[in-house]
Full PDB file with SEQRES, HELIX, SHEET, SSBOND, CRYST1, ORIGX, SCALE, CONECT and MASTER records, all heavy atoms in Angstrom:
SEQRES   1 A   32  GLN LYS ALA PRO GLY TRP TYR GLY THR HIS GLU ILE GLU          
SEQRES   2 A   32  ILE ALA PRO ASP SER LEU LEU ALA ARG LEU THR GLY ARG          
SEQRES   3 A   32  PRO LYS ALA MET VAL ASN                                      
HELIX    1 AA1 LEU A   19  THR A   24  1                                   6    
SHEET    1 AA1 2 HIS A  10  GLU A  13  0                                        
SHEET    2 AA1 2 LYS A  28  VAL A  31 -1                                        
CRYST1    1.000    1.000    1.000  90.00  90.00  90.00 P 1           1          
ORIGX1      1.000000  0.000000  0.000000        0.00000                         
ORIGX2      0.000000  1.000000  0.000000        0.00000                         
ORIGX3      0.000000  0.000000  1.000000        0.00000                         
SCALE1      1.000000  0.000000  0.000000        0.00000                         
SCALE2      0.000000  1.000000  0.000000        0.00000                         
SCALE3      0.000000  0.000000  1.000000        0.00000                         
ATOM      1  N   GLN A   1      -0.079  -0.054  -5.975  1.00  0.00           N  
ATOM      2  CA  GLN A   1      -0.666  -0.020  -4.601  1.00  0.00           C  
ATOM      3  C   GLN A   1       0.149   0.765  -3.647  1.00  0.00           C  
ATOM      4  O   GLN A   1       1.371   0.923  -3.811  1.00  0.00           O  
ATOM      5  CB  GLN A   1      -0.966  -1.422  -4.099  1.00  0.00           C  
ATOM      6  CG  GLN A   1       0.281  -2.241  -3.761  1.00  0.00           C  
ATOM      7  CD  GLN A   1      -0.059  -3.654  -3.337  1.00  0.00           C  
ATOM      8  OE1 GLN A   1      -0.794  -4.351  -4.065  1.00  0.00           O  
ATOM      9  NE2 GLN A   1       0.509  -4.138  -2.254  1.00  0.00           N  
ATOM     10  N   LYS A   2      -0.508   1.211  -2.640  1.00  0.00           N  
ATOM     11  CA  LYS A   2       0.145   1.937  -1.510  1.00  0.00           C  
ATOM     12  C   LYS A   2       0.400   1.011  -0.283  1.00  0.00           C  
ATOM     13  O   LYS A   2       1.026   1.450   0.671  1.00  0.00           O  
ATOM     14  CB  LYS A   2      -0.671   3.128  -1.053  1.00  0.00           C  
ATOM     15  CG  LYS A   2      -1.223   3.981  -2.202  1.00  0.00           C  
ATOM     16  CD  LYS A   2      -0.121   4.522  -3.132  1.00  0.00           C  
ATOM     17  CE  LYS A   2      -0.733   5.388  -4.205  1.00  0.00           C  
ATOM     18  NZ  LYS A   2       0.213   5.655  -5.310  1.00  0.00           N  
ATOM     19  N   ALA A   3      -0.058  -0.198  -0.384  1.00  0.00           N  
ATOM     20  CA  ALA A   3       0.099  -1.159   0.730  1.00  0.00           C  
ATOM     21  C   ALA A   3       1.398  -1.891   0.625  1.00  0.00           C  
ATOM     22  O   ALA A   3       2.072  -1.889  -0.440  1.00  0.00           O  
ATOM     23  CB  ALA A   3      -1.088  -2.178   0.690  1.00  0.00           C  
ATOM     24  N   PRO A   4       1.832  -2.623   1.660  1.00  0.00           N  
ATOM     25  CA  PRO A   4       3.073  -3.418   1.581  1.00  0.00           C  
ATOM     26  C   PRO A   4       3.024  -4.449   0.509  1.00  0.00           C  
ATOM     27  O   PRO A   4       1.928  -4.923   0.128  1.00  0.00           O  
ATOM     28  CB  PRO A   4       3.145  -4.082   2.990  1.00  0.00           C  
ATOM     29  CG  PRO A   4       2.288  -3.196   3.886  1.00  0.00           C  
ATOM     30  CD  PRO A   4       1.212  -2.679   3.015  1.00  0.00           C  
ATOM     31  N   GLY A   5       4.192  -4.851  -0.008  1.00  0.00           N  
ATOM     32  CA  GLY A   5       4.235  -5.756  -1.128  1.00  0.00           C  
ATOM     33  C   GLY A   5       3.660  -7.144  -0.872  1.00  0.00           C  
ATOM     34  O   GLY A   5       3.175  -7.828  -1.773  1.00  0.00           O  
ATOM     35  N   TRP A   6       3.672  -7.606   0.412  1.00  0.00           N  
ATOM     36  CA  TRP A   6       3.169  -8.916   0.717  1.00  0.00           C  
ATOM     37  C   TRP A   6       1.656  -8.950   0.758  1.00  0.00           C  
ATOM     38  O   TRP A   6       1.057 -10.051   0.868  1.00  0.00           O  
ATOM     39  CB  TRP A   6       3.730  -9.398   2.040  1.00  0.00           C  
ATOM     40  CG  TRP A   6       3.514  -8.480   3.218  1.00  0.00           C  
ATOM     41  CD1 TRP A   6       4.406  -7.583   3.714  1.00  0.00           C  
ATOM     42  CD2 TRP A   6       2.337  -8.429   4.017  1.00  0.00           C  
ATOM     43  NE1 TRP A   6       3.827  -6.899   4.772  1.00  0.00           N  
ATOM     44  CE2 TRP A   6       2.550  -7.410   5.014  1.00  0.00           C  
ATOM     45  CE3 TRP A   6       1.114  -9.056   4.033  1.00  0.00           C  
ATOM     46  CZ2 TRP A   6       1.618  -7.084   5.982  1.00  0.00           C  
ATOM     47  CZ3 TRP A   6       0.139  -8.702   5.012  1.00  0.00           C  
ATOM     48  CH2 TRP A   6       0.433  -7.712   5.940  1.00  0.00           C  
ATOM     49  N   TYR A   7       0.971  -7.777   0.716  1.00  0.00           N  
ATOM     50  CA  TYR A   7      -0.448  -7.684   0.921  1.00  0.00           C  
ATOM     51  C   TYR A   7      -1.174  -7.617  -0.430  1.00  0.00           C  
ATOM     52  O   TYR A   7      -0.877  -6.731  -1.295  1.00  0.00           O  
ATOM     53  CB  TYR A   7      -0.716  -6.463   1.760  1.00  0.00           C  
ATOM     54  CG  TYR A   7      -2.195  -6.304   2.162  1.00  0.00           C  
ATOM     55  CD1 TYR A   7      -2.718  -7.121   3.129  1.00  0.00           C  
ATOM     56  CD2 TYR A   7      -3.009  -5.309   1.555  1.00  0.00           C  
ATOM     57  CE1 TYR A   7      -4.071  -6.994   3.522  1.00  0.00           C  
ATOM     58  CE2 TYR A   7      -4.320  -5.201   1.956  1.00  0.00           C  
ATOM     59  CZ  TYR A   7      -4.886  -6.030   2.901  1.00  0.00           C  
ATOM     60  OH  TYR A   7      -6.155  -5.895   3.279  1.00  0.00           O  
ATOM     61  N   GLY A   8      -2.183  -8.499  -0.624  1.00  0.00           N  
ATOM     62  CA  GLY A   8      -2.980  -8.436  -1.841  1.00  0.00           C  
ATOM     63  C   GLY A   8      -4.005  -7.353  -1.790  1.00  0.00           C  
ATOM     64  O   GLY A   8      -4.805  -7.314  -0.807  1.00  0.00           O  
ATOM     65  N   THR A   9      -4.079  -6.491  -2.793  1.00  0.00           N  
ATOM     66  CA  THR A   9      -5.022  -5.330  -2.782  1.00  0.00           C  
ATOM     67  C   THR A   9      -6.151  -5.465  -3.774  1.00  0.00           C  
ATOM     68  O   THR A   9      -7.123  -4.713  -3.645  1.00  0.00           O  
ATOM     69  CB  THR A   9      -4.287  -4.053  -3.037  1.00  0.00           C  
ATOM     70  OG1 THR A   9      -3.617  -4.092  -4.265  1.00  0.00           O  
ATOM     71  CG2 THR A   9      -3.238  -3.756  -1.902  1.00  0.00           C  
ATOM     72  N   HIS A  10      -6.016  -6.323  -4.746  1.00  0.00           N  
ATOM     73  CA  HIS A  10      -7.162  -6.529  -5.673  1.00  0.00           C  
ATOM     74  C   HIS A  10      -7.265  -7.988  -6.049  1.00  0.00           C  
ATOM     75  O   HIS A  10      -6.303  -8.752  -5.922  1.00  0.00           O  
ATOM     76  CB  HIS A  10      -7.107  -5.596  -6.932  1.00  0.00           C  
ATOM     77  CG  HIS A  10      -5.936  -5.870  -7.854  1.00  0.00           C  
ATOM     78  ND1 HIS A  10      -5.604  -7.117  -8.364  1.00  0.00           N  
ATOM     79  CD2 HIS A  10      -5.004  -5.050  -8.331  1.00  0.00           C  
ATOM     80  CE1 HIS A  10      -4.603  -7.002  -9.182  1.00  0.00           C  
ATOM     81  NE2 HIS A  10      -4.171  -5.760  -9.139  1.00  0.00           N  
ATOM     82  N   GLU A  11      -8.452  -8.314  -6.472  1.00  0.00           N  
ATOM     83  CA  GLU A  11      -8.767  -9.720  -6.772  1.00  0.00           C  
ATOM     84  C   GLU A  11      -8.550  -9.995  -8.242  1.00  0.00           C  
ATOM     85  O   GLU A  11      -8.813  -9.227  -9.098  1.00  0.00           O  
ATOM     86  CB  GLU A  11     -10.217 -10.034  -6.433  1.00  0.00           C  
ATOM     87  CG  GLU A  11     -10.660 -11.497  -6.556  1.00  0.00           C  
ATOM     88  CD  GLU A  11     -12.063 -11.739  -6.088  1.00  0.00           C  
ATOM     89  OE1 GLU A  11     -12.978 -11.218  -6.825  1.00  0.00           O  
ATOM     90  OE2 GLU A  11     -12.238 -12.390  -5.091  1.00  0.00           O  
ATOM     91  N   ILE A  12      -8.043 -11.196  -8.544  1.00  0.00           N  
ATOM     92  CA  ILE A  12      -7.980 -11.720  -9.875  1.00  0.00           C  
ATOM     93  C   ILE A  12      -8.887 -12.973 -10.035  1.00  0.00           C  
ATOM     94  O   ILE A  12      -9.029 -13.731  -9.040  1.00  0.00           O  
ATOM     95  CB  ILE A  12      -6.568 -12.081 -10.347  1.00  0.00           C  
ATOM     96  CG1 ILE A  12      -5.946 -13.157  -9.450  1.00  0.00           C  
ATOM     97  CG2 ILE A  12      -5.673 -10.824 -10.321  1.00  0.00           C  
ATOM     98  CD1 ILE A  12      -4.610 -13.706  -9.947  1.00  0.00           C  
ATOM     99  N   GLU A  13      -9.488 -13.084 -11.160  1.00  0.00           N  
ATOM    100  CA  GLU A  13     -10.230 -14.304 -11.463  1.00  0.00           C  
ATOM    101  C   GLU A  13      -9.409 -15.166 -12.368  1.00  0.00           C  
ATOM    102  O   GLU A  13      -8.885 -14.720 -13.397  1.00  0.00           O  
ATOM    103  CB  GLU A  13     -11.566 -13.926 -12.160  1.00  0.00           C  
ATOM    104  CG  GLU A  13     -12.458 -15.151 -12.374  1.00  0.00           C  
ATOM    105  CD  GLU A  13     -13.881 -14.793 -12.741  1.00  0.00           C  
ATOM    106  OE1 GLU A  13     -14.198 -13.544 -12.624  1.00  0.00           O  
ATOM    107  OE2 GLU A  13     -14.625 -15.681 -13.134  1.00  0.00           O  
ATOM    108  N   ILE A  14      -9.235 -16.445 -11.986  1.00  0.00           N  
ATOM    109  CA  ILE A  14      -8.304 -17.359 -12.623  1.00  0.00           C  
ATOM    110  C   ILE A  14      -9.075 -18.344 -13.503  1.00  0.00           C  
ATOM    111  O   ILE A  14     -10.097 -18.932 -13.017  1.00  0.00           O  
ATOM    112  CB  ILE A  14      -7.431 -18.074 -11.611  1.00  0.00           C  
ATOM    113  CG1 ILE A  14      -6.642 -17.113 -10.734  1.00  0.00           C  
ATOM    114  CG2 ILE A  14      -6.481 -19.077 -12.295  1.00  0.00           C  
ATOM    115  CD1 ILE A  14      -6.003 -17.715  -9.578  1.00  0.00           C  
ATOM    116  N   ALA A  15      -8.684 -18.568 -14.719  1.00  0.00           N  
ATOM    117  CA  ALA A  15      -9.334 -19.454 -15.632  1.00  0.00           C  
ATOM    118  C   ALA A  15      -9.285 -20.886 -15.120  1.00  0.00           C  
ATOM    119  O   ALA A  15      -8.203 -21.360 -14.737  1.00  0.00           O  
ATOM    120  CB  ALA A  15      -8.736 -19.364 -17.026  1.00  0.00           C  
ATOM    121  N   PRO A  16     -10.388 -21.602 -15.160  1.00  0.00           N  
ATOM    122  CA  PRO A  16     -10.395 -23.030 -14.743  1.00  0.00           C  
ATOM    123  C   PRO A  16      -9.473 -23.850 -15.638  1.00  0.00           C  
ATOM    124  O   PRO A  16      -9.294 -23.561 -16.822  1.00  0.00           O  
ATOM    125  CB  PRO A  16     -11.842 -23.463 -14.921  1.00  0.00           C  
ATOM    126  CG  PRO A  16     -12.651 -22.211 -14.973  1.00  0.00           C  
ATOM    127  CD  PRO A  16     -11.729 -21.147 -15.570  1.00  0.00           C  
ATOM    128  N   ASP A  17      -8.834 -24.845 -15.041  1.00  0.00           N  
ATOM    129  CA  ASP A  17      -7.939 -25.772 -15.744  1.00  0.00           C  
ATOM    130  C   ASP A  17      -6.715 -25.129 -16.336  1.00  0.00           C  
ATOM    131  O   ASP A  17      -5.990 -25.748 -17.101  1.00  0.00           O  
ATOM    132  CB  ASP A  17      -8.718 -26.470 -16.912  1.00  0.00           C  
ATOM    133  CG  ASP A  17      -9.954 -27.287 -16.432  1.00  0.00           C  
ATOM    134  OD1 ASP A  17      -9.821 -27.896 -15.381  1.00  0.00           O  
ATOM    135  OD2 ASP A  17     -10.953 -27.278 -17.068  1.00  0.00           O  
ATOM    136  N   SER A  18      -6.444 -23.922 -15.919  1.00  0.00           N  
ATOM    137  CA  SER A  18      -5.181 -23.248 -16.349  1.00  0.00           C  
ATOM    138  C   SER A  18      -4.048 -23.702 -15.428  1.00  0.00           C  
ATOM    139  O   SER A  18      -4.260 -24.314 -14.359  1.00  0.00           O  
ATOM    140  CB  SER A  18      -5.310 -21.726 -16.263  1.00  0.00           C  
ATOM    141  OG  SER A  18      -5.540 -21.323 -14.891  1.00  0.00           O  
ATOM    142  N   LEU A  19      -2.811 -23.487 -15.919  1.00  0.00           N  
ATOM    143  CA  LEU A  19      -1.631 -23.816 -15.103  1.00  0.00           C  
ATOM    144  C   LEU A  19      -1.701 -23.005 -13.771  1.00  0.00           C  
ATOM    145  O   LEU A  19      -1.409 -23.589 -12.724  1.00  0.00           O  
ATOM    146  CB  LEU A  19      -0.398 -23.432 -15.870  1.00  0.00           C  
ATOM    147  CG  LEU A  19       0.932 -23.548 -15.109  1.00  0.00           C  
ATOM    148  CD1 LEU A  19       1.160 -24.992 -14.616  1.00  0.00           C  
ATOM    149  CD2 LEU A  19       2.099 -23.103 -16.027  1.00  0.00           C  
ATOM    150  N   LEU A  20      -2.080 -21.769 -13.828  1.00  0.00           N  
ATOM    151  CA  LEU A  20      -2.132 -21.003 -12.640  1.00  0.00           C  
ATOM    152  C   LEU A  20      -3.206 -21.502 -11.640  1.00  0.00           C  
ATOM    153  O   LEU A  20      -2.906 -21.533 -10.417  1.00  0.00           O  
ATOM    154  CB  LEU A  20      -2.427 -19.522 -12.956  1.00  0.00           C  
ATOM    155  CG  LEU A  20      -2.445 -18.528 -11.785  1.00  0.00           C  
ATOM    156  CD1 LEU A  20      -1.108 -18.517 -11.063  1.00  0.00           C  
ATOM    157  CD2 LEU A  20      -2.787 -17.120 -12.235  1.00  0.00           C  
ATOM    158  N   ALA A  21      -4.302 -21.967 -12.165  1.00  0.00           N  
ATOM    159  CA  ALA A  21      -5.325 -22.543 -11.265  1.00  0.00           C  
ATOM    160  C   ALA A  21      -4.846 -23.840 -10.659  1.00  0.00           C  
ATOM    161  O   ALA A  21      -5.069 -24.118  -9.482  1.00  0.00           O  
ATOM    162  CB  ALA A  21      -6.598 -22.809 -12.082  1.00  0.00           C  
ATOM    163  N   ARG A  22      -4.106 -24.633 -11.387  1.00  0.00           N  
ATOM    164  CA  ARG A  22      -3.603 -25.887 -10.866  1.00  0.00           C  
ATOM    165  C   ARG A  22      -2.535 -25.653  -9.819  1.00  0.00           C  
ATOM    166  O   ARG A  22      -2.466 -26.321  -8.796  1.00  0.00           O  
ATOM    167  CB  ARG A  22      -3.007 -26.765 -11.978  1.00  0.00           C  
ATOM    168  CG  ARG A  22      -4.084 -27.271 -12.974  1.00  0.00           C  
ATOM    169  CD  ARG A  22      -3.509 -28.381 -13.833  1.00  0.00           C  
ATOM    170  NE  ARG A  22      -2.421 -27.957 -14.684  1.00  0.00           N  
ATOM    171  CZ  ARG A  22      -2.548 -27.424 -15.878  1.00  0.00           C  
ATOM    172  NH1 ARG A  22      -3.728 -27.187 -16.389  1.00  0.00           N  
ATOM    173  NH2 ARG A  22      -1.469 -27.066 -16.552  1.00  0.00           N  
ATOM    174  N   LEU A  23      -1.672 -24.616 -10.004  1.00  0.00           N  
ATOM    175  CA  LEU A  23      -0.664 -24.355  -9.086  1.00  0.00           C  
ATOM    176  C   LEU A  23      -1.198 -23.774  -7.767  1.00  0.00           C  
ATOM    177  O   LEU A  23      -0.739 -24.161  -6.648  1.00  0.00           O  
ATOM    178  CB  LEU A  23       0.363 -23.351  -9.675  1.00  0.00           C  
ATOM    179  CG  LEU A  23       1.215 -23.898 -10.856  1.00  0.00           C  
ATOM    180  CD1 LEU A  23       1.989 -22.751 -11.477  1.00  0.00           C  
ATOM    181  CD2 LEU A  23       2.180 -24.957 -10.351  1.00  0.00           C  
ATOM    182  N   THR A  24      -2.127 -22.846  -7.854  1.00  0.00           N  
ATOM    183  CA  THR A  24      -2.629 -22.165  -6.665  1.00  0.00           C  
ATOM    184  C   THR A  24      -3.783 -22.902  -6.022  1.00  0.00           C  
ATOM    185  O   THR A  24      -4.044 -22.711  -4.813  1.00  0.00           O  
ATOM    186  CB  THR A  24      -3.060 -20.729  -7.008  1.00  0.00           C  
ATOM    187  OG1 THR A  24      -4.157 -20.800  -7.961  1.00  0.00           O  
ATOM    188  CG2 THR A  24      -1.914 -19.914  -7.557  1.00  0.00           C  
ATOM    189  N   GLY A  25      -4.492 -23.694  -6.789  1.00  0.00           N  
ATOM    190  CA  GLY A  25      -5.664 -24.408  -6.303  1.00  0.00           C  
ATOM    191  C   GLY A  25      -6.835 -23.462  -6.064  1.00  0.00           C  
ATOM    192  O   GLY A  25      -7.736 -23.785  -5.262  1.00  0.00           O  
ATOM    193  N   ARG A  26      -6.864 -22.308  -6.735  1.00  0.00           N  
ATOM    194  CA  ARG A  26      -7.912 -21.299  -6.420  1.00  0.00           C  
ATOM    195  C   ARG A  26      -8.545 -20.783  -7.708  1.00  0.00           C  
ATOM    196  O   ARG A  26      -7.796 -20.537  -8.700  1.00  0.00           O  
ATOM    197  CB  ARG A  26      -7.329 -20.108  -5.667  1.00  0.00           C  
ATOM    198  CG  ARG A  26      -6.754 -20.567  -4.289  1.00  0.00           C  
ATOM    199  CD  ARG A  26      -6.465 -19.391  -3.434  1.00  0.00           C  
ATOM    200  NE  ARG A  26      -6.060 -19.762  -2.121  1.00  0.00           N  
ATOM    201  CZ  ARG A  26      -6.008 -18.974  -1.040  1.00  0.00           C  
ATOM    202  NH1 ARG A  26      -6.324 -17.673  -1.170  1.00  0.00           N  
ATOM    203  NH2 ARG A  26      -5.633 -19.430   0.135  1.00  0.00           N  
ATOM    204  N   PRO A  27      -9.838 -20.512  -7.723  1.00  0.00           N  
ATOM    205  CA  PRO A  27     -10.465 -19.842  -8.883  1.00  0.00           C  
ATOM    206  C   PRO A  27     -10.314 -18.323  -8.820  1.00  0.00           C  
ATOM    207  O   PRO A  27     -10.497 -17.642  -9.836  1.00  0.00           O  
ATOM    208  CB  PRO A  27     -11.907 -20.269  -8.712  1.00  0.00           C  
ATOM    209  CG  PRO A  27     -12.161 -20.445  -7.287  1.00  0.00           C  
ATOM    210  CD  PRO A  27     -10.817 -20.944  -6.711  1.00  0.00           C  
ATOM    211  N   LYS A  28     -10.095 -17.791  -7.634  1.00  0.00           N  
ATOM    212  CA  LYS A  28      -9.891 -16.362  -7.409  1.00  0.00           C  
ATOM    213  C   LYS A  28      -8.760 -16.209  -6.362  1.00  0.00           C  
ATOM    214  O   LYS A  28      -8.544 -17.047  -5.512  1.00  0.00           O  
ATOM    215  CB  LYS A  28     -11.170 -15.689  -6.943  1.00  0.00           C  
ATOM    216  CG  LYS A  28     -12.309 -15.708  -7.938  1.00  0.00           C  
ATOM    217  CD  LYS A  28     -13.519 -14.995  -7.457  1.00  0.00           C  
ATOM    218  CE  LYS A  28     -14.672 -15.030  -8.449  1.00  0.00           C  
ATOM    219  NZ  LYS A  28     -15.863 -14.270  -7.989  1.00  0.00           N  
ATOM    220  N   ALA A  29      -8.097 -15.017  -6.432  1.00  0.00           N  
ATOM    221  CA  ALA A  29      -7.073 -14.790  -5.430  1.00  0.00           C  
ATOM    222  C   ALA A  29      -6.865 -13.229  -5.305  1.00  0.00           C  
ATOM    223  O   ALA A  29      -7.014 -12.509  -6.283  1.00  0.00           O  
ATOM    224  CB  ALA A  29      -5.748 -15.405  -5.866  1.00  0.00           C  
ATOM    225  N   MET A  30      -6.498 -12.859  -4.097  1.00  0.00           N  
ATOM    226  CA  MET A  30      -6.090 -11.481  -3.835  1.00  0.00           C  
ATOM    227  C   MET A  30      -4.585 -11.405  -4.068  1.00  0.00           C  
ATOM    228  O   MET A  30      -3.821 -12.172  -3.487  1.00  0.00           O  
ATOM    229  CB  MET A  30      -6.420 -11.032  -2.431  1.00  0.00           C  
ATOM    230  CG  MET A  30      -7.939 -10.975  -2.127  1.00  0.00           C  
ATOM    231  SD  MET A  30      -8.756  -9.667  -3.080  1.00  0.00           S  
ATOM    232  CE  MET A  30      -8.030  -8.179  -2.379  1.00  0.00           C  
ATOM    233  N   VAL A  31      -4.207 -10.470  -4.941  1.00  0.00           N  
ATOM    234  CA  VAL A  31      -2.775 -10.321  -5.263  1.00  0.00           C  
ATOM    235  C   VAL A  31      -2.326  -8.859  -5.143  1.00  0.00           C  
ATOM    236  O   VAL A  31      -3.171  -7.955  -5.101  1.00  0.00           O  
ATOM    237  CB  VAL A  31      -2.459 -10.846  -6.676  1.00  0.00           C  
ATOM    238  CG1 VAL A  31      -2.793 -12.329  -6.798  1.00  0.00           C  
ATOM    239  CG2 VAL A  31      -3.201 -10.039  -7.773  1.00  0.00           C  
ATOM    240  N   ASN A  32      -1.056  -8.664  -5.120  1.00  0.00           N  
ATOM    241  CA  ASN A  32      -0.481  -7.308  -5.091  1.00  0.00           C  
ATOM    242  C   ASN A  32      -0.409  -6.675  -6.472  1.00  0.00           C  
ATOM    243  O   ASN A  32      -0.709  -7.343  -7.457  1.00  0.00           O  
ATOM    244  CB  ASN A  32       0.856  -7.296  -4.381  1.00  0.00           C  
ATOM    245  CG  ASN A  32       1.878  -8.196  -5.066  1.00  0.00           C  
ATOM    246  OD1 ASN A  32       1.704  -8.699  -6.169  1.00  0.00           O  
ATOM    247  ND2 ASN A  32       2.953  -8.522  -4.379  1.00  0.00           N  
TER     248      ASN A  32                                                      
MASTER        0    0    0    1    2    0    0    6  247    1    0    3          
END                                                                             
């Protein structure tokens, strides 16, 4: 990305019941 590192530029879809889903509490997230 060309944006600052703290800024999410694309979306990820997170698998339900995964460790990442439990940690973030989200099914989708904007990340760098």
